[in-house]
Amino acid sequence: MSIVVPSDASVVETKAEVASTTSRVQLAYLDGLRGICAIYVVLGHIYVALKFFSQDVAPPNILMAFLSIFNVGQTAVDIFIVLSGYCLMIPVIRSNGTMRGGILQYLRRRATRILPPYYAALVISLLLIALRQALIPEDPSQSNDFRLDVLLTHLFVVHNWSEISIHAIDPPMWSVATEWQIYFLFPLFLLPIWRRFGTLASIAAGFALGFAPHFLLNGYLDASFPWFVGLFALGMAAAHINFSEHPQIIMLRQRVPWGPLALVLWVLTIGFLASHRGWYSTHQWIADPIIGVATMCLLIYCTRFLTTSQSGRAPVAFNILNSGWAVALGTFSYSIYLIHYPLMILFWNVMMQFQMSSLARAGMMLAIYFPLSLVASYLFHLAFERHFMPGHLHQKRSGAR
């Protein structure tokens, strides 16, 4: 089986594809998973706003209990990182373990895909902060956003290394920085170990490197989740298991009950985290790898269904991930992730200038801000992201010829 994917497929990119000698199968469910995770992040931040932004806002407990479902640790970001490792590993397997065009070409593709929308969102965030401070001068929040060191660390995408800058300007951007740095570790560290020692060694090396600051430097960099290197390696492993033609890997792919494993891990993990709210904040380094393994199992299961069972009833999880609305959201999930938070802060501060009940404020966040943020994210996608996506770039180059 040959594998056809955009060579710079990532956590934020469009459909990866698998082609066999007789059929062509699109892994559209990957976009669906991204889209659902993006919505999860937005609703989770709405919960955070209603819960913590003002002591005067106290929506009904039943509503907050529902919204709290969307605020279980860094679950969505964990999935994004595993997806990134999965998509970037597929073309490596396709090329028999080599990276098309070499490391410099790979980094150029990553930079072209990730950085232009990132910098556009950074500028827009700063403009929105300035606008909010002009409209509400007594608002003391985010006073560090225009500090020179904060601006420089964001410019060089290393703001996740500093406690002052990691959540400045546009807080969700911390994970963009973490993933950007993992992009360098992929060809320089993880791939050489994978080629020489195999999949398990690359996973072990990824977690060893990621946990080193936690155990050796007294938790330094914990806020940037350096063990995401290990989650990225889990994504690499999932791609290897799905697409390798090695007899032992084929046997592993076919005989392990990946679906039930994914279900059990997800139910137990999310159930435990939801019922032990304070546990995740002190045990992130335990929870995230478990979520990573659950995601790895889910990816193997869904892709195995697509590549081996073109007839028959599709699993419920696959149908949800492969639904049209989820896939559509996934095509601009990176834009949703980048731009929703600064828009939320502006919307919240303007809303707080008017007298209304807590229930009305919650209703405005869900019925007005939430859909507006999706519309704004899509417009941002059209203006600043779509032009740098692999399919669009390929079309432009073909047209130029």
Protein backbone atom coordinates (compact mmCIF):
# COMPACT_ATOMS: atom_id res chain seq x y z
CA MET A 1 0.00 0.00 0.00
CA SER A 2 1.31 3.44 -0.89
CA ILE A 3 0.41 6.39 1.30
CA VAL A 4 -0.46 9.80 -0.09
CA VAL A 5 -0.65 12.76 2.29
CA PRO A 6 0.31 16.42 2.14
CA SER A 7 3.97 16.30 3.12
CA ASP A 8 3.47 19.08 5.62
CA ALA A 9 0.36 17.60 7.17
CA SER A 10 0.08 18.63 10.80
CA VAL A 11 -2.25 19.24 13.69
CA VAL A 12 -3.81 22.09 11.77
CA GLU A 13 -3.89 20.87 8.23
CA THR A 14 -6.51 19.45 5.93
CA LYS A 15 -7.28 15.92 4.85
CA ALA A 16 -4.55 13.32 4.94
CA GLU A 17 -5.04 10.64 2.30
CA VAL A 18 -4.22 6.99 1.95
CA ALA A 19 -4.09 5.34 -1.48
CA SER A 20 -3.98 1.63 -2.23
CA THR A 21 -3.52 0.04 -5.61
CA THR A 22 -7.27 -0.29 -6.04
CA SER A 23 -8.84 2.55 -4.12
CA ARG A 24 -8.23 5.96 -2.64
CA VAL A 25 -9.32 6.61 0.92
CA GLN A 26 -9.44 10.02 2.55
CA LEU A 27 -8.72 10.26 6.25
CA ALA A 28 -11.22 13.09 6.61
CA TYR A 29 -11.95 12.00 10.17
CA LEU A 30 -8.62 13.56 11.19
CA ASP A 31 -10.07 16.95 10.29
CA GLY A 32 -13.22 16.01 12.17
CA LEU A 33 -11.18 15.24 15.26
CA ARG A 34 -9.41 18.59 14.95
CA GLY A 35 -12.71 20.40 14.56
CA ILE A 36 -14.26 18.78 17.62
CA CYS A 37 -11.14 19.55 19.66
CA ALA A 38 -11.24 23.19 18.55
CA ILE A 39 -14.87 23.50 19.70
CA TYR A 40 -13.93 21.80 22.95
CA VAL A 41 -11.25 24.43 23.54
CA VAL A 42 -13.61 27.36 22.85
CA LEU A 43 -16.36 26.01 25.12
CA GLY A 44 -13.77 25.28 27.79
CA HIS A 45 -12.60 28.88 27.72
CA ILE A 46 -16.20 30.09 27.93
CA TYR A 47 -16.48 28.03 31.10
CA VAL A 48 -13.27 29.60 32.45
CA ALA A 49 -14.60 33.10 31.73
CA LEU A 50 -17.94 32.49 33.44
CA LYS A 51 -16.30 30.74 36.38
CA PHE A 52 -13.28 32.93 37.09
CA PHE A 53 -13.34 36.27 35.26
CA SER A 54 -15.69 38.06 37.67
CA GLN A 55 -17.00 37.30 41.12
CA ASP A 56 -20.22 39.05 40.16
CA VAL A 57 -21.03 36.43 37.53
CA ALA A 58 -22.56 33.21 38.87
CA PRO A 59 -24.59 31.31 36.26
CA PRO A 60 -26.83 28.40 37.38
CA ASN A 61 -24.96 25.42 38.72
CA ILE A 62 -26.51 23.03 36.21
CA LEU A 63 -25.21 25.14 33.31
CA MET A 64 -21.74 25.36 34.84
CA ALA A 65 -21.72 21.63 35.49
CA PHE A 66 -22.42 21.06 31.80
CA LEU A 67 -19.77 23.52 30.63
CA SER A 68 -17.23 22.01 33.02
CA ILE A 69 -17.20 18.95 30.75
CA PHE A 70 -15.25 21.11 28.29
CA ASN A 71 -12.61 22.09 30.81
CA VAL A 72 -10.91 18.78 31.60
CA GLY A 73 -7.21 19.52 31.58
CA GLN A 74 -5.34 19.99 28.31
CA THR A 75 -7.23 17.15 26.66
CA ALA A 76 -7.73 18.84 23.29
CA VAL A 77 -4.11 20.02 23.10
CA ASP A 78 -2.93 16.49 23.90
CA ILE A 79 -4.93 15.23 20.93
CA PHE A 80 -3.56 17.97 18.67
CA ILE A 81 0.01 16.96 19.48
CA VAL A 82 -0.59 13.25 18.85
CA LEU A 83 -2.29 14.16 15.56
CA SER A 84 0.71 16.22 14.57
CA GLY A 85 3.09 13.32 15.09
CA TYR A 86 0.71 11.02 13.23
CA CYS A 87 0.36 13.20 10.13
CA LEU A 88 4.02 14.17 9.89
CA MET A 89 5.11 10.55 10.21
CA ILE A 90 2.95 9.22 7.36
CA PRO A 91 5.05 10.74 4.53
CA VAL A 92 8.21 9.46 6.25
CA ILE A 93 6.85 5.92 6.17
CA ARG A 94 5.79 6.47 2.57
CA SER A 95 9.39 7.39 1.76
CA ASN A 96 10.84 4.34 3.49
CA GLY A 97 11.99 6.28 6.55
CA THR A 98 13.37 9.35 4.80
CA MET A 99 12.13 12.92 4.88
CA ARG A 100 11.19 14.27 1.45
CA GLY A 101 13.48 17.11 0.45
CA GLY A 102 15.58 16.82 3.59
CA ILE A 103 15.39 18.62 6.92
CA LEU A 104 15.65 22.15 5.53
CA GLN A 105 12.78 21.59 3.12
CA TYR A 106 10.72 20.08 5.91
CA LEU A 107 11.36 23.07 8.18
CA ARG A 108 10.52 25.46 5.36
CA ARG A 109 7.19 23.71 4.86
CA ARG A 110 6.47 23.81 8.58
CA ALA A 111 7.32 27.50 8.82
CA THR A 112 5.20 28.34 5.78
CA ARG A 113 2.25 26.48 7.22
CA ILE A 114 2.41 27.57 10.86
CA LEU A 115 4.04 30.99 11.16
CA PRO A 116 2.06 33.34 8.85
CA PRO A 117 -1.29 32.70 10.62
CA TYR A 118 0.51 32.79 13.97
CA TYR A 119 2.02 36.22 13.33
CA ALA A 120 -1.25 37.52 11.89
CA ALA A 121 -3.08 36.39 15.05
CA LEU A 122 -0.36 37.96 17.17
CA VAL A 123 -0.80 41.36 15.51
CA ILE A 124 -4.59 41.15 15.70
CA SER A 125 -4.40 40.18 19.37
CA LEU A 126 -2.23 43.19 20.17
CA LEU A 127 -4.62 45.47 18.27
CA LEU A 128 -7.59 44.05 20.19
CA ILE A 129 -5.75 44.52 23.49
CA ALA A 130 -5.00 48.13 22.58
CA LEU A 131 -8.63 48.67 21.59
CA ARG A 132 -9.88 47.18 24.84
CA GLN A 133 -7.53 49.30 26.91
CA ALA A 134 -8.69 52.40 25.03
CA LEU A 135 -12.36 51.56 25.57
CA ILE A 136 -11.91 50.42 29.17
CA PRO A 137 -8.85 52.27 30.53
CA GLU A 138 -9.51 51.14 34.10
CA ASP A 139 -9.06 47.50 33.11
CA PRO A 140 -5.70 46.41 34.61
CA SER A 141 -5.57 42.97 32.99
CA GLN A 142 -2.85 41.95 30.56
CA SER A 143 -0.64 44.89 31.52
CA ASN A 144 2.46 42.91 30.52
CA ASP A 145 1.41 42.33 26.93
CA PHE A 146 3.42 45.22 25.47
CA ARG A 147 6.60 44.56 27.42
CA LEU A 148 9.63 44.24 25.16
CA ASP A 149 10.63 40.82 26.48
CA VAL A 150 7.09 39.51 26.01
CA LEU A 151 6.97 40.80 22.45
CA LEU A 152 10.40 39.37 21.60
CA THR A 153 9.68 35.91 23.00
CA HIS A 154 6.48 35.79 20.97
CA LEU A 155 8.33 37.00 17.89
CA PHE A 156 10.82 34.12 18.17
CA VAL A 157 8.11 31.64 19.30
CA VAL A 158 9.79 30.84 22.61
CA HIS A 159 7.28 32.55 24.91
CA ASN A 160 6.48 29.18 26.48
CA TRP A 161 9.86 29.30 28.24
CA SER A 162 8.94 32.26 30.45
CA GLU A 163 6.34 32.46 33.20
CA ILE A 164 5.74 36.11 32.31
CA SER A 165 5.17 35.62 28.60
CA ILE A 166 3.71 32.12 28.31
CA HIS A 167 0.09 33.24 28.75
CA ALA A 168 0.50 36.83 27.60
CA ILE A 169 -1.16 38.42 24.55
CA ASP A 170 -3.05 35.30 23.37
CA PRO A 171 -2.84 32.57 26.04
CA PRO A 172 -3.57 29.53 23.80
CA MET A 173 -0.48 30.38 21.75
CA TRP A 174 1.71 28.67 24.36
CA SER A 175 0.98 25.32 22.70
CA VAL A 176 1.87 26.68 19.25
CA ALA A 177 5.31 27.48 20.62
CA THR A 178 5.66 24.04 22.21
CA GLU A 179 4.65 22.29 19.00
CA TRP A 180 6.91 24.53 16.91
CA GLN A 181 9.87 23.42 18.99
CA ILE A 182 8.87 19.76 18.67
CA TYR A 183 9.02 20.22 14.89
CA PHE A 184 12.79 20.62 15.24
CA LEU A 185 13.11 17.61 17.53
CA PHE A 186 11.23 15.40 15.07
CA PRO A 187 13.99 15.14 12.39
CA LEU A 188 16.93 15.83 14.69
CA PHE A 189 16.09 13.58 17.63
CA LEU A 190 13.02 11.35 17.28
CA LEU A 191 13.46 10.15 13.72
CA PRO A 192 17.12 9.07 14.10
CA ILE A 193 16.18 7.05 17.19
CA TRP A 194 13.17 5.55 15.39
CA ARG A 195 15.31 4.53 12.39
CA ARG A 196 18.03 2.98 14.54
CA PHE A 197 16.15 1.45 17.45
CA GLY A 198 12.46 1.36 16.53
CA THR A 199 9.13 2.74 17.64
CA LEU A 200 9.24 1.89 21.35
CA ALA A 201 12.67 3.49 21.67
CA SER A 202 11.47 6.72 20.05
CA ILE A 203 8.52 6.87 22.45
CA ALA A 204 10.78 6.22 25.44
CA ALA A 205 13.29 8.81 24.26
CA GLY A 206 10.53 11.37 23.69
CA PHE A 207 9.15 10.99 27.20
CA ALA A 208 12.63 10.84 28.74
CA LEU A 209 13.55 14.15 27.14
CA GLY A 210 10.17 15.67 27.97
CA PHE A 211 10.21 14.60 31.61
CA ALA A 212 13.81 15.66 32.22
CA PRO A 213 12.97 19.28 33.19
CA HIS A 214 10.20 18.06 35.51
CA PHE A 215 12.35 15.61 37.45
CA LEU A 216 15.82 17.11 37.10
CA LEU A 217 15.00 20.82 37.20
CA ASN A 218 12.26 20.82 39.83
CA GLY A 219 9.38 21.24 37.42
CA TYR A 220 10.98 23.90 35.27
CA LEU A 221 8.96 24.37 32.06
CA ASP A 222 6.03 22.33 33.36
CA ALA A 223 3.69 25.09 32.19
CA SER A 224 4.78 24.44 28.60
CA PHE A 225 4.29 20.65 28.90
CA PRO A 226 7.66 19.49 27.54
CA TRP A 227 6.50 15.85 27.77
CA PHE A 228 4.43 16.60 24.67
CA VAL A 229 7.53 15.31 22.86
CA GLY A 230 6.46 11.87 24.03
CA LEU A 231 2.88 12.45 22.86
CA PHE A 232 4.20 13.43 19.45
CA ALA A 233 6.15 10.14 19.40
CA LEU A 234 2.92 8.29 20.19
CA GLY A 235 1.43 9.82 17.07
CA MET A 236 4.46 8.65 15.10
CA ALA A 237 3.91 5.17 16.49
CA ALA A 238 0.25 5.18 15.45
CA ALA A 239 1.20 6.06 11.88
CA HIS A 240 3.83 3.32 11.84
CA ILE A 241 1.35 0.73 13.08
CA ASN A 242 -1.30 1.80 10.57
CA PHE A 243 0.87 1.91 7.47
CA SER A 244 3.93 -0.26 7.93
CA GLU A 245 4.17 -3.35 5.70
CA HIS A 246 6.41 -5.22 8.15
CA PRO A 247 4.80 -8.59 8.99
CA GLN A 248 5.10 -8.10 12.75
CA ILE A 249 3.54 -4.64 12.56
CA ILE A 250 0.73 -5.95 10.35
CA MET A 251 0.04 -8.62 12.96
CA LEU A 252 0.05 -5.99 15.70
CA ARG A 253 -2.32 -3.80 13.70
CA GLN A 254 -4.75 -6.64 13.10
CA ARG A 255 -4.76 -8.50 16.40
CA VAL A 256 -4.75 -5.79 19.06
CA PRO A 257 -8.29 -4.59 19.96
CA TRP A 258 -7.49 -0.92 19.36
CA GLY A 259 -11.11 0.22 19.50
CA PRO A 260 -11.99 -1.27 22.90
CA LEU A 261 -8.63 -0.09 24.25
CA ALA A 262 -9.37 3.46 23.12
CA LEU A 263 -12.87 3.36 24.61
CA VAL A 264 -11.72 2.03 27.98
CA LEU A 265 -8.88 4.55 28.24
CA TRP A 266 -11.07 7.50 27.27
CA VAL A 267 -13.93 6.60 29.59
CA LEU A 268 -11.71 5.91 32.58
CA THR A 269 -9.46 8.93 32.06
CA ILE A 270 -12.13 11.54 31.35
CA GLY A 271 -14.35 10.14 34.08
CA PHE A 272 -11.56 10.29 36.62
CA LEU A 273 -10.44 13.78 35.64
CA ALA A 274 -14.00 15.08 35.67
CA SER A 275 -14.61 13.69 39.16
CA HIS A 276 -11.22 14.78 40.57
CA ARG A 277 -10.98 18.39 39.44
CA GLY A 278 -7.86 19.32 41.38
CA TRP A 279 -5.94 16.21 40.45
CA TYR A 280 -4.97 17.19 36.92
CA SER A 281 -3.28 20.44 37.94
CA THR A 282 -0.81 18.52 40.11
CA HIS A 283 -0.52 15.37 37.98
CA GLN A 284 -0.45 16.70 34.44
CA TRP A 285 2.62 14.65 33.63
CA ILE A 286 0.64 11.47 34.38
CA ALA A 287 -2.67 12.37 32.74
CA ASP A 288 -1.31 13.67 29.44
CA PRO A 289 0.56 10.47 28.43
CA ILE A 290 -2.54 8.39 29.20
CA ILE A 291 -4.64 10.69 27.00
CA GLY A 292 -1.91 10.39 24.38
CA VAL A 293 -2.10 6.59 24.41
CA ALA A 294 -5.91 6.74 24.19
CA THR A 295 -5.62 9.02 21.16
CA MET A 296 -3.03 6.74 19.57
CA CYS A 297 -5.41 3.79 19.93
CA LEU A 298 -8.29 5.80 18.48
CA LEU A 299 -6.26 6.81 15.41
CA ILE A 300 -5.12 3.26 14.75
CA TYR A 301 -8.68 1.98 15.13
CA CYS A 302 -10.32 4.53 12.82
CA THR A 303 -7.69 4.32 10.12
CA ARG A 304 -7.68 0.53 10.26
CA PHE A 305 -11.44 0.60 9.70
CA LEU A 306 -11.01 2.82 6.64
CA THR A 307 -8.18 0.86 5.08
CA THR A 308 -9.51 -2.65 5.73
CA SER A 309 -13.31 -2.41 6.03
CA GLN A 310 -14.78 -0.38 3.24
CA SER A 311 -18.12 -2.17 3.65
CA GLY A 312 -20.17 -2.75 6.75
CA ARG A 313 -21.44 -0.56 9.55
CA ALA A 314 -19.06 2.18 10.60
CA PRO A 315 -18.25 2.57 14.31
CA VAL A 316 -20.12 5.35 16.13
CA ALA A 317 -16.91 7.18 17.01
CA PHE A 318 -15.82 7.15 13.39
CA ASN A 319 -19.21 8.45 12.18
CA ILE A 320 -18.99 11.38 14.58
CA LEU A 321 -15.44 12.25 13.62
CA ASN A 322 -16.19 11.81 9.93
CA SER A 323 -19.38 13.90 9.97
CA GLY A 324 -19.56 16.84 7.58
CA TRP A 325 -19.84 19.54 10.24
CA ALA A 326 -16.84 18.22 12.18
CA VAL A 327 -14.69 17.91 9.06
CA ALA A 328 -15.68 21.42 7.96
CA LEU A 329 -14.69 22.85 11.33
CA GLY A 330 -11.42 20.97 11.15
CA THR A 331 -10.39 22.73 7.96
CA PHE A 332 -10.02 26.00 9.90
CA SER A 333 -9.40 24.62 13.40
CA TYR A 334 -5.99 26.32 13.59
CA SER A 335 -7.64 29.69 13.02
CA ILE A 336 -10.24 28.92 15.68
CA TYR A 337 -7.48 28.07 18.10
CA LEU A 338 -5.47 31.19 17.33
CA ILE A 339 -8.13 33.87 17.32
CA HIS A 340 -11.01 32.88 19.59
CA TYR A 341 -9.43 33.90 22.91
CA PRO A 342 -8.55 37.56 22.21
CA LEU A 343 -12.03 37.96 20.72
CA MET A 344 -13.51 36.44 23.88
CA ILE A 345 -11.61 38.83 26.14
CA LEU A 346 -12.82 41.85 24.16
CA PHE A 347 -16.39 40.55 24.06
CA TRP A 348 -16.35 39.83 27.79
CA ASN A 349 -15.06 43.25 28.77
CA VAL A 350 -17.56 45.08 26.59
CA MET A 351 -20.39 42.88 27.88
CA MET A 352 -19.41 43.65 31.47
CA GLN A 353 -20.07 47.35 30.87
CA PHE A 354 -23.80 46.59 30.79
CA GLN A 355 -26.07 45.52 33.60
CA MET A 356 -27.61 42.08 33.21
CA SER A 357 -28.12 38.87 35.11
CA SER A 358 -25.53 36.11 35.29
CA LEU A 359 -27.80 33.87 33.25
CA ALA A 360 -28.06 36.55 30.56
CA ARG A 361 -24.27 36.87 30.47
CA ALA A 362 -23.91 33.12 30.06
CA GLY A 363 -26.52 33.24 27.31
CA MET A 364 -24.63 35.99 25.49
CA MET A 365 -21.38 34.04 25.68
CA LEU A 366 -22.99 30.92 24.25
CA ALA A 367 -25.53 32.39 21.84
CA ILE A 368 -23.61 35.44 20.57
CA TYR A 369 -19.89 35.17 21.26
CA PHE A 370 -19.59 31.46 20.42
CA PRO A 371 -21.03 31.61 16.86
CA LEU A 372 -19.39 34.99 16.22
CA SER A 373 -16.01 33.54 17.17
CA LEU A 374 -16.48 30.75 14.61
CA VAL A 375 -17.45 33.23 11.90
CA ALA A 376 -14.49 35.46 12.75
CA SER A 377 -12.17 32.45 12.79
CA TYR A 378 -13.34 31.39 9.36
CA LEU A 379 -12.78 34.88 7.97
CA PHE A 380 -9.34 34.85 9.55
CA HIS A 381 -8.74 31.48 7.90
CA LEU A 382 -9.66 32.88 4.50
CA ALA A 383 -7.44 35.92 4.95
CA PHE A 384 -4.38 34.52 6.71
CA GLU A 385 -4.36 30.71 6.77
CA ARG A 386 -5.83 29.18 3.62
CA HIS A 387 -3.17 30.67 1.34
CA PHE A 388 -0.45 28.79 3.22
CA MET A 389 -2.11 25.37 3.28
CA PRO A 390 -0.45 22.65 1.19
CA GLY A 391 -3.34 22.15 -1.22
CA HIS A 392 -3.67 25.86 -1.93
CA LEU A 393 0.07 26.30 -2.37
CA HIS A 394 0.16 23.34 -4.76
CA GLN A 395 -2.66 24.86 -6.83
CA LYS A 396 -0.86 28.20 -7.04
CA ARG A 397 2.38 26.55 -8.13
CA SER A 398 0.57 24.45 -10.72
CA GLY A 399 -1.15 27.55 -12.04
CA ALA A 400 2.16 29.38 -12.27
CA ARG A 401 3.45 26.65 -14.55
